[in-house]
Amino acid sequence: MEERKLGMVESRFADLIWENEPLTSGELVKLCERELHWKKSTTYTVLKKLCQRGIFQNEGGRVTSLLSKQEFYAAQSQQFVEETFQGSLPAFLAAFTSRKKLSGSEIDEIRRMIDNMKEG
């Protein structure tokens, strides 16, 4: 799987796009200037980098996502489990819950998710 991790600054930038898309590249420059205190060149450099990674596109000066925020983080989570736990979701959950106890409502929600997957 292609590397699609985002650093902290890239995440803030990506959130701006996801929250405001579609937008023109000029609108993005103004938004980044206001929200991130970036110069035009910084905005275009980071945008180009994230376009090359297949997260966003800039076609004809119109910036849109190729992956929704949810799709991006789902792929990132899957990549993490594959790389760290040899693809084993049970191993990931065991490690996660050894440090953080789940609430009753979280357990119920996970059970519902599993039941829905069995049915579907």
Protein backbone atom coordinates (compact mmCIF):
# COMPACT_ATOMS: atom_id res chain seq x y z
CA MET A 1 0.00 0.00 0.00
CA GLU A 2 1.24 3.48 -0.84
CA GLU A 3 2.43 5.55 2.10
CA ARG A 4 -0.35 7.97 2.99
CA LYS A 5 0.54 9.09 6.48
CA LEU A 6 0.17 12.77 7.29
CA GLY A 7 2.30 14.80 9.63
CA MET A 8 0.66 17.22 12.04
CA VAL A 9 0.90 20.21 9.69
CA GLU A 10 -0.23 18.16 6.70
CA SER A 11 -3.23 16.96 8.74
CA ARG A 12 -4.28 20.54 9.50
CA PHE A 13 -3.92 21.40 5.80
CA ALA A 14 -5.89 18.31 4.72
CA ASP A 15 -8.66 19.14 7.20
CA LEU A 16 -8.98 22.60 5.64
CA ILE A 17 -9.51 21.04 2.23
CA TRP A 18 -11.93 18.38 3.48
CA GLU A 19 -13.96 20.99 5.38
CA ASN A 20 -14.13 23.46 2.47
CA GLU A 21 -14.03 21.44 -0.76
CA PRO A 22 -14.51 21.98 -3.55
CA LEU A 23 -12.50 25.17 -3.60
CA THR A 24 -10.27 26.95 -6.05
CA SER A 25 -6.54 26.91 -5.52
CA GLY A 26 -6.75 30.70 -4.97
CA GLU A 27 -9.33 30.20 -2.23
CA LEU A 28 -7.08 27.56 -0.67
CA VAL A 29 -4.13 29.97 -0.70
CA LYS A 30 -6.21 32.62 1.11
CA LEU A 31 -7.54 30.06 3.58
CA CYS A 32 -4.04 28.77 4.38
CA GLU A 33 -2.75 32.31 4.73
CA ARG A 34 -5.50 33.07 7.25
CA GLU A 35 -5.57 29.75 9.14
CA LEU A 36 -1.98 28.50 8.90
CA HIS A 37 -0.11 31.77 8.21
CA TRP A 38 1.39 30.23 5.07
CA LYS A 39 2.71 31.91 1.96
CA LYS A 40 1.33 30.99 -1.44
CA SER A 41 4.41 28.93 -2.29
CA THR A 42 4.06 26.81 0.88
CA THR A 43 0.42 26.07 0.10
CA TYR A 44 1.22 24.95 -3.44
CA THR A 45 4.20 22.86 -2.30
CA VAL A 46 2.16 20.94 0.28
CA LEU A 47 -0.81 20.61 -2.09
CA LYS A 48 1.43 19.16 -4.81
CA LYS A 49 2.92 16.69 -2.34
CA LEU A 50 -0.50 15.46 -1.19
CA CYS A 51 -1.75 15.28 -4.78
CA GLN A 52 1.23 13.07 -5.67
CA ARG A 53 0.30 10.82 -2.76
CA GLY A 54 -3.19 10.35 -4.20
CA ILE A 55 -5.14 12.14 -1.47
CA PHE A 56 -6.17 15.31 -3.33
CA GLN A 57 -6.27 16.62 -6.86
CA ASN A 58 -5.87 20.06 -8.37
CA GLU A 59 -7.53 19.99 -11.78
CA GLY A 60 -7.89 23.27 -13.61
CA GLY A 61 -7.34 25.21 -10.40
CA ARG A 62 -10.12 23.31 -8.59
CA VAL A 63 -9.01 21.42 -5.47
CA THR A 64 -10.96 18.33 -4.41
CA SER A 65 -10.23 15.14 -2.51
CA LEU A 66 -9.66 11.78 -4.10
CA LEU A 67 -10.24 10.18 -0.70
CA SER A 68 -12.75 11.39 1.86
CA LYS A 69 -11.45 12.01 5.36
CA GLN A 70 -13.11 8.80 6.51
CA GLU A 71 -11.64 6.79 3.61
CA PHE A 72 -8.19 8.21 4.29
CA TYR A 73 -8.19 7.37 7.99
CA ALA A 74 -9.69 3.92 7.34
CA ALA A 75 -6.84 3.15 4.91
CA GLN A 76 -4.29 4.57 7.36
CA SER A 77 -5.69 2.41 10.17
CA GLN A 78 -5.64 -0.68 7.98
CA GLN A 79 -2.02 0.03 7.01
CA PHE A 80 -1.09 0.43 10.69
CA VAL A 81 -2.69 -2.90 11.66
CA GLU A 82 -1.03 -4.67 8.71
CA GLU A 83 2.42 -3.25 9.46
CA THR A 84 2.32 -3.51 13.25
CA PHE A 85 0.16 -6.55 13.97
CA GLN A 86 0.69 -8.63 10.81
CA GLY A 87 -2.86 -7.73 9.77
CA SER A 88 -4.44 -9.21 12.89
CA LEU A 89 -7.29 -7.06 14.16
CA PRO A 90 -7.71 -9.26 17.28
CA ALA A 91 -4.01 -8.70 18.12
CA PHE A 92 -4.49 -4.95 17.69
CA LEU A 93 -7.59 -4.95 19.95
CA ALA A 94 -5.78 -7.01 22.58
CA ALA A 95 -2.89 -4.53 22.62
CA PHE A 96 -5.24 -1.54 22.62
CA THR A 97 -7.44 -2.78 25.43
CA SER A 98 -4.49 -3.80 27.60
CA ARG A 99 -3.78 -0.07 28.09
CA LYS A 100 -7.26 1.43 27.78
CA LYS A 101 -10.34 -0.16 29.23
CA LEU A 102 -13.41 -0.03 27.02
CA SER A 103 -16.64 1.39 28.38
CA GLY A 104 -19.82 -0.64 28.31
CA SER A 105 -21.18 1.48 25.47
CA GLU A 106 -17.97 0.99 23.45
CA ILE A 107 -18.21 -2.78 23.93
CA ASP A 108 -21.88 -2.72 22.88
CA GLU A 109 -21.01 -0.67 19.79
CA ILE A 110 -18.25 -3.09 18.80
CA ARG A 111 -20.63 -6.03 19.27
CA ARG A 112 -23.21 -4.31 17.03
CA MET A 113 -20.55 -3.73 14.38
CA ILE A 114 -19.53 -7.41 14.50
CA ASP A 115 -23.16 -8.57 14.39
CA ASN A 116 -23.83 -6.32 11.39
CA MET A 117 -20.79 -7.73 9.60
CA LYS A 118 -21.97 -11.31 10.26
CA GLU A 119 -25.42 -10.48 8.85
CA GLY A 120 -24.12 -8.56 5.85
